[in-house]
Amino acid sequence: MVQNTSALLDQEIDFADDEQLVSTTDMRGIITYANDHFCRVAGYSREELIGRPHNMVRHPDMPKAAFADLWQHLKAGQAWRGW
């Protein structure tokens, strides 16, 4: 069961500069891996994330250009890092 995190949209989640939020997906955007930091900030357990569409954790304010850049990199077989 996936928890409802709609309340998280109104909360800023802080994390340390040295914490990297890491997730991987397949070419369909399905989460195949998420590290502990990513899970904590996303508000889901690893079990709730693996096998689910990555857009379930996409913030509604993510710029469309950043999302397009992400998919351009992924389709080219390259990693993508958001800053």
Protein backbone atom coordinates (compact mmCIF):
# COMPACT_ATOMS: atom_id res chain seq x y z
CA MET A 1 0.00 0.00 0.00
CA VAL A 2 1.36 3.43 -0.93
CA GLN A 3 0.93 6.15 1.66
CA ASN A 4 -0.76 9.41 0.73
CA THR A 5 1.89 12.12 0.73
CA SER A 6 -0.21 14.96 -0.65
CA ALA A 7 0.42 16.85 2.60
CA LEU A 8 4.16 16.69 1.86
CA LEU A 9 3.70 19.02 -1.10
CA ASP A 10 3.23 21.88 1.34
CA GLN A 11 6.30 20.97 3.38
CA GLU A 12 9.91 21.68 2.57
CA ILE A 13 12.11 18.70 3.39
CA ASP A 14 15.67 19.63 4.34
CA PHE A 15 18.65 17.40 3.82
CA ALA A 16 22.38 17.84 4.29
CA ASP A 17 24.59 19.05 1.46
CA ASP A 18 26.51 15.76 1.54
CA GLU A 19 23.37 13.62 1.20
CA GLN A 20 22.72 12.51 -2.36
CA LEU A 21 19.18 11.54 -3.31
CA VAL A 22 19.64 8.64 -5.71
CA SER A 23 17.05 6.74 -7.68
CA THR A 24 17.20 4.72 -10.86
CA THR A 25 14.48 3.86 -13.33
CA ASP A 26 14.00 1.68 -16.33
CA MET A 27 13.25 3.25 -19.72
CA ARG A 28 9.55 3.38 -18.90
CA GLY A 29 10.19 5.54 -15.81
CA ILE A 30 9.59 2.71 -13.32
CA ILE A 31 11.72 2.99 -10.18
CA THR A 32 14.25 0.17 -9.91
CA TYR A 33 16.35 1.55 -7.03
CA ALA A 34 16.15 4.30 -4.40
CA ASN A 35 18.70 4.99 -1.68
CA ASP A 36 17.77 5.69 1.94
CA HIS A 37 18.10 9.47 1.54
CA PHE A 38 15.79 9.50 -1.47
CA CYS A 39 13.19 7.40 0.36
CA ARG A 40 13.26 9.63 3.43
CA VAL A 41 12.88 12.87 1.48
CA ALA A 42 10.25 11.36 -0.83
CA GLY A 43 8.25 10.15 2.17
CA TYR A 44 8.01 6.54 1.03
CA SER A 45 9.64 3.29 2.03
CA ARG A 46 11.86 1.57 -0.54
CA GLU A 47 9.23 -1.16 -0.87
CA GLU A 48 6.60 1.46 -1.74
CA LEU A 49 8.82 3.00 -4.44
CA ILE A 50 10.34 0.03 -6.28
CA GLY A 51 8.21 -0.94 -9.26
CA ARG A 52 6.20 2.30 -9.22
CA PRO A 53 6.30 5.18 -11.75
CA HIS A 54 8.95 7.75 -10.83
CA ASN A 55 6.51 10.58 -11.50
CA MET A 56 4.77 9.67 -8.24
CA VAL A 57 7.52 11.67 -6.51
CA ARG A 58 7.85 14.43 -9.10
CA HIS A 59 7.25 17.79 -7.51
CA PRO A 60 4.60 19.81 -9.39
CA ASP A 61 6.96 22.82 -9.52
CA MET A 62 9.73 20.92 -11.34
CA PRO A 63 10.50 23.01 -14.42
CA LYS A 64 9.39 21.39 -17.68
CA ALA A 65 12.83 22.10 -19.18
CA ALA A 66 14.54 20.15 -16.38
CA PHE A 67 12.16 17.22 -16.89
CA ALA A 68 12.82 17.28 -20.66
CA ASP A 69 16.58 17.37 -20.03
CA LEU A 70 16.27 14.42 -17.65
CA TRP A 71 14.52 12.29 -20.28
CA GLN A 72 16.90 13.39 -23.04
CA HIS A 73 19.81 12.11 -20.97
CA LEU A 74 18.08 8.89 -19.94
CA LYS A 75 17.03 8.02 -23.50
CA ALA A 76 20.64 8.53 -24.59
CA GLY A 77 21.76 6.03 -21.91
CA GLN A 78 23.30 8.75 -19.75
CA ALA A 79 22.83 9.47 -16.05
CA TRP A 80 21.12 12.70 -15.03
CA ARG A 81 21.71 14.75 -11.92
CA GLY A 82 19.46 17.52 -10.69
CA TRP A 83 21.07 20.36 -8.78
